[in-house]
N, C-alpha and C. Protein backbone atom coordinates (compact mmCIF):
# COMPACT_ATOMS: atom_id res chain seq x y z
N MET A 1 102.60 101.33 117.33
CA MET A 1 103.40 100.66 117.14
C MET A 1 103.57 99.85 117.00
N ALA A 2 104.56 99.82 116.12
CA ALA A 2 104.67 97.75 115.28
C ALA A 2 105.12 96.96 116.21
N MET A 3 104.93 95.65 116.99
CA MET A 3 105.11 94.57 117.78
C MET A 3 106.25 93.92 116.87
N THR A 4 107.72 94.38 116.85
CA THR A 4 108.61 94.30 116.10
C THR A 4 110.10 93.84 116.98
N ASP A 5 110.17 92.78 116.83
CA ASP A 5 112.21 91.80 117.19
C ASP A 5 113.09 93.60 116.99
N PRO A 6 113.32 93.61 118.62
CA PRO A 6 113.92 94.38 119.00
C PRO A 6 115.70 94.25 118.53
N ASP A 7 115.86 92.77 118.56
CA ASP A 7 117.19 92.55 117.83
C ASP A 7 116.98 92.19 116.65
N GLY A 8 115.42 93.49 115.64
CA GLY A 8 115.51 92.67 113.87
C GLY A 8 116.73 93.57 113.31
N VAL A 9 116.10 93.41 112.18
CA VAL A 9 117.32 93.83 111.00
C VAL A 9 116.72 94.97 111.17
N ARG A 10 118.28 96.08 110.63
CA ARG A 10 118.04 97.82 110.42
C ARG A 10 117.48 97.99 109.04
N ALA A 11 116.55 98.83 109.01
CA ALA A 11 116.76 99.57 108.14
C ALA A 11 116.38 101.25 107.92
N ALA A 12 116.49 101.25 106.96
CA ALA A 12 116.60 103.43 106.08
C ALA A 12 114.85 102.84 105.20
N PHE A 13 114.17 103.59 106.12
CA PHE A 13 112.84 103.44 105.42
C PHE A 13 112.81 105.53 104.23
N LEU A 14 112.60 105.08 103.22
CA LEU A 14 112.90 106.39 101.86
C LEU A 14 111.90 107.61 101.25
N ASP A 15 111.76 108.30 101.63
CA ASP A 15 110.53 109.02 101.12
C ASP A 15 111.28 108.09 99.64
N LYS A 16 110.22 108.82 98.98
CA LYS A 16 110.80 109.48 97.14
C LYS A 16 110.14 110.49 96.62
N ASP A 17 109.56 111.06 96.30
CA ASP A 17 109.65 113.04 95.80
C ASP A 17 110.51 113.51 97.03
N GLY A 18 111.99 114.36 95.97
CA GLY A 18 112.17 114.99 96.48
C GLY A 18 113.73 115.06 97.73
N THR A 19 113.69 113.48 97.91
CA THR A 19 114.16 112.97 98.45
C THR A 19 115.07 112.40 98.12
N LEU A 20 114.34 111.17 96.87
CA LEU A 20 114.98 109.89 96.44
C LEU A 20 115.54 110.57 94.52
N VAL A 21 114.34 111.47 94.31
CA VAL A 21 113.81 111.68 92.64
C VAL A 21 113.54 112.84 93.11
N HIS A 22 113.86 113.74 91.70
CA HIS A 22 113.23 115.16 91.80
C HIS A 22 111.78 115.44 91.52
N ASP A 23 111.42 115.98 92.62
CA ASP A 23 109.80 116.00 92.82
C ASP A 23 109.74 117.32 91.54
N VAL A 24 108.61 116.61 91.11
CA VAL A 24 108.36 117.11 89.71
C VAL A 24 106.46 116.50 89.87
N PRO A 25 105.45 117.50 89.11
CA PRO A 25 104.60 117.47 88.36
C PRO A 25 104.28 115.47 87.93
N CYS A 26 103.14 114.91 88.20
CA CYS A 26 102.94 114.02 87.81
C CYS A 26 103.91 113.08 88.29
N ASP A 27 103.76 112.80 89.36
CA ASP A 27 105.24 111.40 90.58
C ASP A 27 104.61 110.53 90.09
N ALA A 28 103.80 109.89 89.16
CA ALA A 28 103.55 108.80 89.18
C ALA A 28 104.27 107.84 87.40
N ASP A 29 104.26 108.67 87.07
CA ASP A 29 104.96 108.46 85.95
C ASP A 29 106.47 108.14 85.52
N PRO A 30 106.48 107.11 85.38
CA PRO A 30 108.40 106.72 85.57
C PRO A 30 108.79 106.99 84.43
N HIS A 31 108.85 107.58 83.74
CA HIS A 31 109.48 108.33 81.89
C HIS A 31 109.65 109.79 82.78
N ARG A 32 109.63 110.48 83.82
CA ARG A 32 109.90 110.95 84.69
C ARG A 32 111.36 111.09 85.98
N LEU A 33 111.37 110.30 86.45
CA LEU A 33 112.28 110.37 87.20
C LEU A 33 113.13 109.83 86.91
N GLU A 34 113.91 110.65 87.84
CA GLU A 34 115.85 110.77 88.32
C GLU A 34 116.63 111.26 88.93
N LEU A 35 117.70 109.85 89.30
CA LEU A 35 117.96 109.92 90.43
C LEU A 35 118.53 111.95 90.59
N LEU A 36 118.74 112.30 92.42
CA LEU A 36 119.10 113.32 92.97
C LEU A 36 120.48 113.25 93.10
N PRO A 37 121.46 114.07 93.22
CA PRO A 37 122.42 113.84 93.29
C PRO A 37 123.46 113.16 94.47
N ARG A 38 123.90 112.18 93.83
CA ARG A 38 124.02 111.78 95.06
C ARG A 38 123.82 110.45 96.21
N VAL A 39 122.58 110.12 95.91
CA VAL A 39 121.43 109.12 96.06
C VAL A 39 122.08 107.71 95.69
N GLY A 40 122.76 107.24 94.81
CA GLY A 40 123.17 106.02 94.62
C GLY A 40 123.93 105.62 95.29
N ALA A 41 125.64 106.38 95.51
CA ALA A 41 126.33 106.66 96.06
C ALA A 41 125.30 106.03 97.62
N GLY A 42 125.00 106.89 98.58
CA GLY A 42 124.61 107.12 98.95
C GLY A 42 124.15 105.77 100.06
N LEU A 43 122.56 105.42 99.52
CA LEU A 43 122.40 103.89 99.03
C LEU A 43 123.42 102.99 99.11
N ARG A 44 123.99 102.64 98.50
CA ARG A 44 125.02 102.13 98.28
C ARG A 44 125.80 101.52 99.90
N ALA A 45 126.09 102.74 99.66
CA ALA A 45 126.59 103.43 101.73
C ALA A 45 125.67 102.56 102.96
N LEU A 46 124.20 102.76 102.83
CA LEU A 46 123.19 102.03 103.90
C LEU A 46 123.75 101.11 103.55
N GLN A 47 123.20 100.30 102.42
CA GLN A 47 123.37 98.83 101.95
C GLN A 47 124.32 98.74 102.49
N ASP A 48 125.67 98.71 101.94
CA ASP A 48 126.48 98.18 102.32
C ASP A 48 127.13 97.71 104.22
N ALA A 49 126.27 98.50 104.92
CA ALA A 49 126.41 98.59 106.34
C ALA A 49 125.07 97.49 107.56
N GLY A 50 124.23 97.28 106.66
CA GLY A 50 123.26 96.59 106.91
C GLY A 50 122.23 97.12 106.79
N TYR A 51 121.88 98.09 106.53
CA TYR A 51 120.19 98.43 106.47
C TYR A 51 119.39 98.10 105.01
N LEU A 52 118.09 97.54 105.65
CA LEU A 52 117.75 97.01 104.33
C LEU A 52 116.54 98.63 103.67
N LEU A 53 117.06 98.78 102.38
CA LEU A 53 116.53 100.05 101.86
C LEU A 53 114.53 99.54 101.72
N VAL A 54 113.89 100.70 102.13
CA VAL A 54 111.92 100.39 101.62
C VAL A 54 111.73 101.72 101.65
N VAL A 55 110.68 101.91 100.01
CA VAL A 55 110.80 103.06 99.81
C VAL A 55 109.46 102.87 100.75
N VAL A 56 109.59 104.21 100.37
CA VAL A 56 107.57 104.44 101.39
C VAL A 56 107.14 105.95 101.68
N SER A 57 106.40 105.90 100.33
CA SER A 57 105.92 107.24 99.16
C SER A 57 103.98 107.55 99.33
N ASN A 58 103.92 108.74 99.55
CA ASN A 58 101.99 108.68 99.08
C ASN A 58 101.85 109.01 97.72
N GLN A 59 101.20 108.09 97.05
CA GLN A 59 101.07 108.57 95.32
C GLN A 59 99.77 108.89 95.57
N PRO A 60 99.13 109.77 96.21
CA PRO A 60 97.64 110.13 95.87
C PRO A 60 96.82 110.47 94.47
N SER A 61 97.90 109.83 93.65
CA SER A 61 97.44 110.13 91.81
C SER A 61 96.80 109.84 91.12
N VAL A 62 97.05 108.91 91.85
CA VAL A 62 96.36 106.95 91.62
C VAL A 62 95.20 107.28 91.42
N ALA A 63 94.92 107.76 93.12
CA ALA A 63 93.45 107.55 93.58
C ALA A 63 92.60 108.79 93.07
N PRO A 64 92.82 109.59 92.02
CA PRO A 64 91.32 110.03 91.49
C PRO A 64 91.20 109.78 89.84
N GLY A 65 92.12 108.19 89.84
CA GLY A 65 92.17 107.71 88.33
C GLY A 65 93.64 108.43 87.54
N HIS A 66 94.01 109.46 87.86
CA HIS A 66 95.30 110.08 87.07
C HIS A 66 96.42 108.98 86.40
N PHE A 67 96.14 108.20 87.51
CA PHE A 67 97.34 106.96 86.82
C PHE A 67 96.75 105.57 87.75
N PRO A 68 96.46 104.74 86.49
CA PRO A 68 96.72 103.06 86.61
C PRO A 68 97.03 102.91 88.23
N ALA A 69 97.01 102.25 89.62
CA ALA A 69 97.10 101.46 90.37
C ALA A 69 98.39 101.21 89.68
N GLY A 70 98.54 100.14 88.41
CA GLY A 70 99.28 99.35 87.88
C GLY A 70 101.06 100.36 87.96
N VAL A 71 100.47 101.15 87.47
CA VAL A 71 101.85 101.62 87.10
C VAL A 71 102.49 101.80 88.10
N LEU A 72 102.61 101.80 89.16
CA LEU A 72 103.30 101.60 90.45
C LEU A 72 104.80 100.54 90.06
N GLY A 73 104.61 99.86 89.95
CA GLY A 73 105.38 98.44 89.33
C GLY A 73 106.07 98.94 88.12
N ASP A 74 105.42 100.43 86.90
CA ASP A 74 106.53 100.53 86.24
C ASP A 74 107.61 101.25 87.07
N VAL A 75 107.31 102.47 88.06
CA VAL A 75 107.64 102.98 88.94
C VAL A 75 108.99 102.33 90.09
N GLU A 76 108.74 101.44 90.09
CA GLU A 76 109.72 100.59 91.09
C GLU A 76 110.67 99.72 90.33
N ALA A 77 110.23 99.80 88.44
CA ALA A 77 110.72 98.82 87.74
C ALA A 77 112.25 99.90 87.65
N ARG A 78 112.12 100.93 87.52
CA ARG A 78 112.49 102.24 87.08
C ARG A 78 113.20 102.75 87.87
N LEU A 79 112.78 102.66 89.25
CA LEU A 79 113.74 103.51 90.29
C LEU A 79 115.17 102.35 90.30
N ASP A 80 114.53 101.12 90.36
CA ASP A 80 115.30 100.05 90.14
C ASP A 80 116.45 99.46 89.40
N ALA A 81 116.23 99.84 88.28
CA ALA A 81 116.99 100.57 86.97
C ALA A 81 117.93 101.33 87.11
N LEU A 82 117.57 102.46 87.58
CA LEU A 82 118.37 104.00 87.84
C LEU A 82 118.95 103.59 89.59
N LEU A 83 119.54 102.06 90.61
CA LEU A 83 120.01 102.20 91.03
C LEU A 83 121.17 101.05 90.91
N GLU A 84 120.11 100.15 89.57
CA GLU A 84 121.58 99.16 89.44
C GLU A 84 123.18 99.20 89.36
N PRO A 85 122.74 100.37 88.51
CA PRO A 85 125.10 100.53 88.36
C PRO A 85 125.28 100.92 90.20
N PHE A 86 124.48 101.09 90.48
CA PHE A 86 125.10 101.56 92.16
C PHE A 86 125.14 100.39 92.60
N GLY A 87 124.86 98.89 92.29
CA GLY A 87 124.55 97.66 92.99
C GLY A 87 123.10 98.02 94.21
N VAL A 88 122.91 98.70 93.99
CA VAL A 88 121.50 99.07 95.10
C VAL A 88 120.32 97.83 94.84
N VAL A 89 119.74 97.40 95.70
CA VAL A 89 118.56 96.31 95.38
C VAL A 89 117.51 97.19 96.90
N ILE A 90 116.47 98.18 96.25
CA ILE A 90 115.16 98.09 97.21
C ILE A 90 114.30 96.88 98.08
N THR A 91 114.77 96.81 98.88
CA THR A 91 114.39 95.53 99.56
C THR A 91 112.53 95.51 99.13
N ALA A 92 111.69 96.59 99.51
CA ALA A 92 110.18 96.98 99.42
C ALA A 92 109.78 98.62 98.83
N TYR A 93 109.08 98.34 98.70
CA TYR A 93 108.00 99.76 98.11
C TYR A 93 106.85 99.64 98.62
N ALA A 94 106.34 100.89 99.22
CA ALA A 94 105.17 100.95 100.11
C ALA A 94 104.68 102.15 99.38
N TRP A 95 103.12 101.86 99.01
CA TRP A 95 102.56 103.48 98.33
C TRP A 95 101.73 103.01 99.40
N CYS A 96 101.04 104.98 100.03
CA CYS A 96 100.09 105.17 99.70
C CYS A 96 99.13 105.31 98.84
N THR A 97 97.32 104.87 98.17
CA THR A 97 97.79 105.25 96.30
C THR A 97 95.87 106.23 97.11
N HIS A 98 96.26 106.41 98.43
CA HIS A 98 94.66 107.01 98.47
C HIS A 98 94.93 108.08 98.33
N ARG A 99 93.25 109.03 98.95
CA ARG A 99 93.32 110.45 98.34
C ARG A 99 93.67 111.39 99.53
N PRO A 100 94.05 112.74 99.80
CA PRO A 100 94.87 113.40 100.99
C PRO A 100 93.76 113.48 102.11
N ALA A 101 93.38 113.74 103.20
CA ALA A 101 92.65 114.32 104.38
C ALA A 101 91.85 115.27 104.00
N GLY A 102 90.61 115.37 104.16
CA GLY A 102 89.78 116.59 103.00
C GLY A 102 89.78 116.25 102.17
N VAL A 103 89.86 115.35 101.86
CA VAL A 103 88.98 115.03 100.14
C VAL A 103 88.63 114.04 100.33
N ARG A 104 86.72 113.85 100.54
CA ARG A 104 86.09 112.97 100.42
C ARG A 104 86.44 111.59 99.41
N ALA A 105 86.60 110.67 100.67
CA ALA A 105 86.45 108.77 99.90
C ALA A 105 85.83 107.93 100.19
N ALA A 106 85.89 106.95 99.44
CA ALA A 106 84.68 106.10 99.72
C ALA A 106 85.72 105.14 100.97
N GLY A 107 85.23 105.14 102.38
CA GLY A 107 85.64 104.57 103.34
C GLY A 107 86.38 105.07 104.28
N GLY A 108 86.18 106.04 104.52
CA GLY A 108 86.67 107.53 105.55
C GLY A 108 88.16 107.47 105.18
N PRO A 109 89.08 108.14 105.83
CA PRO A 109 90.84 108.73 105.68
C PRO A 109 91.37 107.06 105.87
N CYS A 110 91.91 106.68 105.77
CA CYS A 110 93.41 105.81 105.37
C CYS A 110 94.02 105.99 107.67
N ALA A 111 94.75 104.28 106.81
CA ALA A 111 95.98 104.53 107.96
C ALA A 111 97.34 104.72 108.15
N CYS A 112 97.91 104.94 106.18
CA CYS A 112 98.71 104.57 105.71
C CYS A 112 99.23 106.04 105.70
N ARG A 113 98.66 107.02 105.11
CA ARG A 113 99.17 108.10 104.42
C ARG A 113 99.76 108.80 105.42
N LYS A 114 101.12 109.03 104.78
CA LYS A 114 102.17 110.09 106.16
C LYS A 114 101.25 111.05 105.79
N PRO A 115 101.24 111.41 107.44
CA PRO A 115 102.41 111.69 108.00
C PRO A 115 101.87 110.48 109.51
N LYS A 116 101.07 109.61 108.79
CA LYS A 116 100.34 108.13 109.68
C LYS A 116 101.90 107.44 109.28
N PRO A 117 101.93 106.37 110.33
CA PRO A 117 103.17 105.78 110.15
C PRO A 117 102.79 103.85 109.67
N GLY A 118 101.45 103.98 108.54
CA GLY A 118 100.87 102.80 108.79
C GLY A 118 102.51 101.94 107.22
N LEU A 119 102.81 102.65 106.58
CA LEU A 119 103.44 102.07 105.49
C LEU A 119 104.89 101.67 106.38
N LEU A 120 105.00 101.84 107.14
CA LEU A 120 106.86 101.55 108.06
C LEU A 120 106.01 100.41 108.38
N LEU A 121 104.92 100.99 109.44
CA LEU A 121 104.62 99.26 110.42
C LEU A 121 103.94 98.37 109.62
N GLU A 122 103.25 98.26 108.49
CA GLU A 122 103.68 97.05 107.66
C GLU A 122 104.96 96.39 107.40
N ALA A 123 105.62 97.75 106.47
CA ALA A 123 107.61 96.85 106.21
C ALA A 123 107.89 96.12 107.41
N ALA A 124 107.95 97.32 108.52
CA ALA A 124 108.70 96.12 109.63
C ALA A 124 107.80 95.03 109.88
N ALA A 125 107.03 94.84 110.02
CA ALA A 125 106.14 93.34 110.31
C ALA A 125 106.51 92.43 109.13
N ALA A 126 106.49 92.67 108.25
CA ALA A 126 106.73 91.95 107.10
C ALA A 126 108.23 91.61 106.92
N HIS A 127 108.77 92.28 107.64
CA HIS A 127 110.15 91.85 106.58
C HIS A 127 111.44 91.90 107.95
N GLY A 128 110.62 91.64 109.12
CA GLY A 128 111.44 91.91 110.40
C GLY A 128 112.13 92.62 110.90
N ILE A 129 111.67 94.45 110.41
CA ILE A 129 112.49 95.21 111.10
C ILE A 129 112.56 95.74 112.70
N ALA A 130 113.57 96.30 113.22
CA ALA A 130 113.68 96.66 114.09
C ALA A 130 113.67 98.31 114.03
N LEU A 131 112.14 98.99 114.44
CA LEU A 131 111.91 99.88 114.19
C LEU A 131 113.29 100.74 114.98
N ALA A 132 113.46 100.66 116.44
CA ALA A 132 114.04 101.40 117.05
C ALA A 132 115.37 101.35 116.40
N ARG A 133 115.66 100.82 115.99
CA ARG A 133 117.27 100.63 115.10
C ARG A 133 117.39 100.99 114.00
N SER A 134 115.39 101.62 113.62
CA SER A 134 116.23 102.61 111.85
C SER A 134 116.22 103.77 111.93
N TRP A 135 116.49 104.46 110.44
CA TRP A 135 115.85 105.39 110.64
C TRP A 135 114.67 105.89 109.11
N MET A 136 113.90 107.01 108.88
CA MET A 136 113.07 107.49 108.05
C MET A 136 113.78 109.19 107.77
N ILE A 137 113.76 109.13 106.15
CA ILE A 137 114.82 109.87 105.34
C ILE A 137 113.30 110.58 104.92
N GLY A 138 112.99 112.00 105.07
CA GLY A 138 112.79 112.47 103.79
C GLY A 138 112.80 114.13 103.65
N ASP A 139 111.58 114.52 102.89
CA ASP A 139 112.46 116.06 102.72
C ASP A 139 111.50 116.63 102.98
N ILE A 140 110.23 116.71 103.62
CA ILE A 140 109.03 117.01 104.46
C ILE A 140 109.11 116.87 105.74
N LEU A 141 108.18 117.73 106.98
CA LEU A 141 108.53 117.29 108.28
C LEU A 141 107.07 116.44 107.86
N ASP A 142 106.13 116.03 107.25
CA ASP A 142 105.43 114.60 107.31
C ASP A 142 106.24 113.13 107.56
N ASP A 143 107.09 113.38 106.65
CA ASP A 143 108.34 111.92 106.81
C ASP A 143 108.47 111.88 107.85
N VAL A 144 108.82 113.14 108.54
CA VAL A 144 109.65 113.34 109.85
C VAL A 144 108.51 112.39 110.51
N GLU A 145 106.88 112.78 110.22
CA GLU A 145 106.30 112.62 111.82
C GLU A 145 105.79 111.48 111.44
N ALA A 146 106.13 110.85 109.93
CA ALA A 146 105.68 109.12 109.79
C ALA A 146 106.78 108.48 110.28
N GLY A 147 108.26 108.69 111.00
CA GLY A 147 109.43 108.17 110.80
C GLY A 147 108.88 108.14 112.51
N GLU A 148 109.36 109.14 113.20
CA GLU A 148 108.54 108.65 114.48
C GLU A 148 107.47 108.85 115.55
N ARG A 149 106.41 108.22 114.10
CA ARG A 149 105.59 107.55 115.19
C ARG A 149 105.17 105.99 115.14
N ALA A 150 106.23 105.97 114.07
CA ALA A 150 106.73 104.40 114.20
C ALA A 150 107.65 103.45 115.07
N GLY A 151 108.37 105.11 115.51
CA GLY A 151 109.03 104.63 116.27
C GLY A 151 110.76 105.19 115.82
N CYS A 152 111.24 105.37 114.92
CA CYS A 152 112.36 105.35 113.66
C CYS A 152 112.78 106.69 114.27
N HIS A 153 114.20 106.48 114.46
CA HIS A 153 115.60 108.22 114.00
C HIS A 153 114.98 108.76 112.93
N THR A 154 115.30 109.79 112.70
CA THR A 154 114.66 110.71 111.48
C THR A 154 115.62 111.78 111.24
N VAL A 155 116.00 111.52 109.62
CA VAL A 155 116.28 112.92 109.10
C VAL A 155 115.76 113.55 107.80
N LEU A 156 115.77 114.71 108.12
CA LEU A 156 115.49 115.67 107.44
C LEU A 156 115.77 116.69 106.23
N VAL A 157 116.14 116.09 104.53
CA VAL A 157 116.82 116.70 103.89
C VAL A 157 115.93 117.95 103.30
N ASP A 158 116.46 118.51 103.91
CA ASP A 158 115.61 120.02 103.49
C ASP A 158 115.96 120.40 101.76
N ARG A 159 115.39 120.48 100.84
CA ARG A 159 115.84 120.51 99.87
C ARG A 159 115.01 122.10 98.81
N GLY A 160 113.97 122.25 100.15
CA GLY A 160 112.71 123.38 100.36
C GLY A 160 111.55 123.10 99.97
N ASN A 161 111.21 122.07 100.45
CA ASN A 161 110.13 121.45 99.78
C ASN A 161 109.48 121.63 100.68
N GLU A 162 109.92 122.00 102.16
CA GLU A 162 108.92 121.95 103.73
C GLU A 162 108.94 123.52 103.74
N THR A 163 107.24 123.81 103.51
CA THR A 163 107.33 125.33 103.46
C THR A 163 106.46 126.00 104.70
N ARG A 164 105.45 125.13 105.21
CA ARG A 164 105.10 124.99 106.83
C ARG A 164 105.94 124.62 107.68
N TRP A 165 106.18 124.71 108.48
CA TRP A 165 107.80 124.28 109.49
C TRP A 165 106.00 124.59 110.08
N ARG A 166 105.59 123.59 110.26
CA ARG A 166 104.56 123.67 111.55
C ARG A 166 105.34 122.42 113.15
N ALA A 167 105.63 122.96 114.01
CA ALA A 167 106.51 122.51 115.38
C ALA A 167 105.70 121.41 115.32
N GLY A 168 106.68 120.82 116.03
CA GLY A 168 106.00 119.63 117.72
C GLY A 168 106.37 118.46 117.48
N ARG A 169 106.62 117.52 118.73
CA ARG A 169 107.34 116.69 119.23
C ARG A 169 107.97 115.85 118.17
N LEU A 170 106.74 115.90 117.76
CA LEU A 170 106.98 114.55 116.29
C LEU A 170 107.13 115.13 115.13
N ARG A 171 107.99 116.42 115.33
CA ARG A 171 107.83 116.45 113.56
C ARG A 171 109.82 116.89 113.77
N THR A 172 110.33 116.71 114.81
CA THR A 172 111.66 117.61 115.25
C THR A 172 112.64 116.19 114.43
N PRO A 173 113.04 116.30 113.89
CA PRO A 173 113.80 115.24 113.41
C PRO A 173 115.68 116.01 114.05
N ARG A 174 116.09 113.88 113.76
CA ARG A 174 117.62 114.22 114.86
C ARG A 174 118.46 115.02 113.57
N ALA A 175 118.32 115.38 112.92
CA ALA A 175 119.08 116.14 112.42
C ALA A 175 118.20 116.68 110.62
N ILE A 176 118.49 118.25 110.69
CA ILE A 176 118.04 119.20 109.44
C ILE A 176 119.57 119.12 108.53
N VAL A 177 119.94 118.20 107.53
CA VAL A 177 121.27 118.85 106.76
C VAL A 177 120.66 119.08 105.14
N TYR A 178 120.74 119.05 104.53
CA TYR A 178 121.07 119.79 102.75
C TYR A 178 121.15 118.69 101.87
N ASP A 179 121.72 117.75 101.47
CA ASP A 179 121.83 116.94 100.93
C ASP A 179 122.10 115.13 101.03
N PHE A 180 121.49 114.30 100.43
CA PHE A 180 121.47 112.69 101.26
C PHE A 180 122.91 112.26 101.23
N ALA A 181 124.25 112.75 100.80
CA ALA A 181 125.19 112.49 101.42
C ALA A 181 125.65 112.26 102.44
N ASP A 182 124.95 113.62 102.95
CA ASP A 182 125.01 114.50 104.90
C ASP A 182 123.90 113.65 105.53
N ALA A 183 123.31 113.53 105.29
CA ALA A 183 121.91 112.60 105.73
C ALA A 183 122.52 111.32 106.15
N VAL A 184 123.59 110.58 105.18
CA VAL A 184 123.89 109.04 104.58
C VAL A 184 124.96 108.96 106.25
N SER A 185 125.79 109.49 105.88
CA SER A 185 126.86 110.53 106.93
C SER A 185 126.70 110.58 108.72
N PHE A 186 125.44 111.23 109.02
CA PHE A 186 124.56 111.13 110.30
C PHE A 186 124.29 109.65 110.54
N ILE A 187 123.68 109.34 109.69
CA ILE A 187 123.11 108.40 110.25
C ILE A 187 124.50 107.08 110.38
N LEU A 188 125.94 107.10 109.47
CA LEU A 188 126.09 105.77 109.19
C LEU A 188 127.96 106.14 110.62
N ASP A 189 128.10 108.02 110.70
CA ASP A 189 129.12 108.33 111.24
C ASP A 189 129.12 109.26 112.48
N GLY A 190 127.31 109.14 112.27
CA GLY A 190 127.09 110.40 113.95
C GLY A 190 127.69 112.17 113.95
N HIS A 191 127.37 112.91 112.93
CA HIS A 191 128.28 113.88 112.54
C HIS A 191 127.17 114.88 113.15
N ILE A 192 127.32 114.31 114.77
CA ILE A 192 126.06 115.90 115.75
C ILE A 192 126.51 116.56 116.09
N HIS A 193 127.62 117.08 115.66
CA HIS A 193 127.87 118.84 115.71
C HIS A 193 126.79 118.63 114.61
N ARG A 194 127.60 118.87 113.69
CA ARG A 194 127.47 119.43 112.77
C ARG A 194 125.81 119.67 111.94
N ALA A 195 125.02 118.21 112.62
CA ALA A 195 123.59 118.63 112.57
C ALA A 195 123.63 119.40 113.49
N ARG A 196 124.08 119.86 114.65
CA ARG A 196 123.10 120.61 114.81
C ARG A 196 123.61 121.37 114.70
N ARG A 197 123.99 122.41 114.31
CA ARG A 197 124.63 124.22 113.43
C ARG A 197 123.54 123.60 112.37
N LEU A 198 123.17 122.47 111.14
CA LEU A 198 122.58 122.84 110.21
C LEU A 198 121.32 122.91 111.56
N HIS A 199 120.55 122.05 112.37
CA HIS A 199 118.94 122.69 112.52
C HIS A 199 119.18 123.87 113.21
N ALA A 200 120.46 124.78 113.96
CA ALA A 200 119.95 125.89 114.51
C ALA A 200 120.09 126.93 113.01
N VAL A 201 120.63 126.32 112.02
CA VAL A 201 120.71 127.50 110.60
C VAL A 201 119.39 127.62 110.57
N SER A 202 118.52 126.06 109.92
CA SER A 202 117.47 126.23 109.88
C SER A 202 116.32 126.55 110.48
N ALA A 203 116.41 126.47 111.88
CA ALA A 203 115.50 126.84 112.55
C ALA A 203 115.61 128.85 112.51
N GLN A 204 116.29 129.09 112.73
CA GLN A 204 116.62 130.98 112.68
C GLN A 204 115.76 131.59 111.01
N ALA A 205 116.05 130.54 110.09
CA ALA A 205 115.37 130.50 109.01
C ALA A 205 113.52 130.69 109.01
N GLY A 206 113.11 129.44 109.39
CA GLY A 206 111.73 128.97 109.86
C GLY A 206 111.30 130.41 111.22
N THR A 207 112.39 130.85 111.90
CA THR A 207 111.36 131.69 112.81
C THR A 207 110.99 132.88 112.12
N ALA A 208 112.52 133.59 111.08
CA ALA A 208 112.17 134.69 109.97
C ALA A 208 111.05 134.71 109.16
N GLU A 209 110.72 133.56 109.00
CA GLU A 209 109.06 133.34 107.78
C GLU A 209 108.10 133.97 108.42
């Protein structure tokens, strides 16, 4: 875990694909990025509450050469443009461009590809973020695990993108919701009882699979 100031600033770490924008093939193509419903307003609410906003995303399409690494600058510019009407400013973008585990690559596996926590730890060290006061929001359990490993609280926005539901202590979010706005409400207002009901429904659905 990163040695960060426990009294440092709070942050919301944000997965990109399936959490902020529609999850589509060629996810490093900036022209295909479109915000999901209520994301802009939700990010503004987090920002107004004092949270830094940090995007942490695996971008494996860069590793095999499908896109040049420089395209990620265009992705950042596109996201900034989409969020500008809401007055939202992303503090930092952190990308893992390495190949997935099990795919041969020079130098062996990296320390930053989620579910590893490297992207969050590096951002926390760079920006004085208090991980224990921060949240990770994602749409699959690898996002949750990365957040838990880093020492954050976690919320899963279940859009149907998690298909395996591999359980574990580090893969159990504080809440499971079905809309980004509900994730923000849980973080800011502590909708504990509602989140518990949602968690129970999701758990039953996972058991039935």
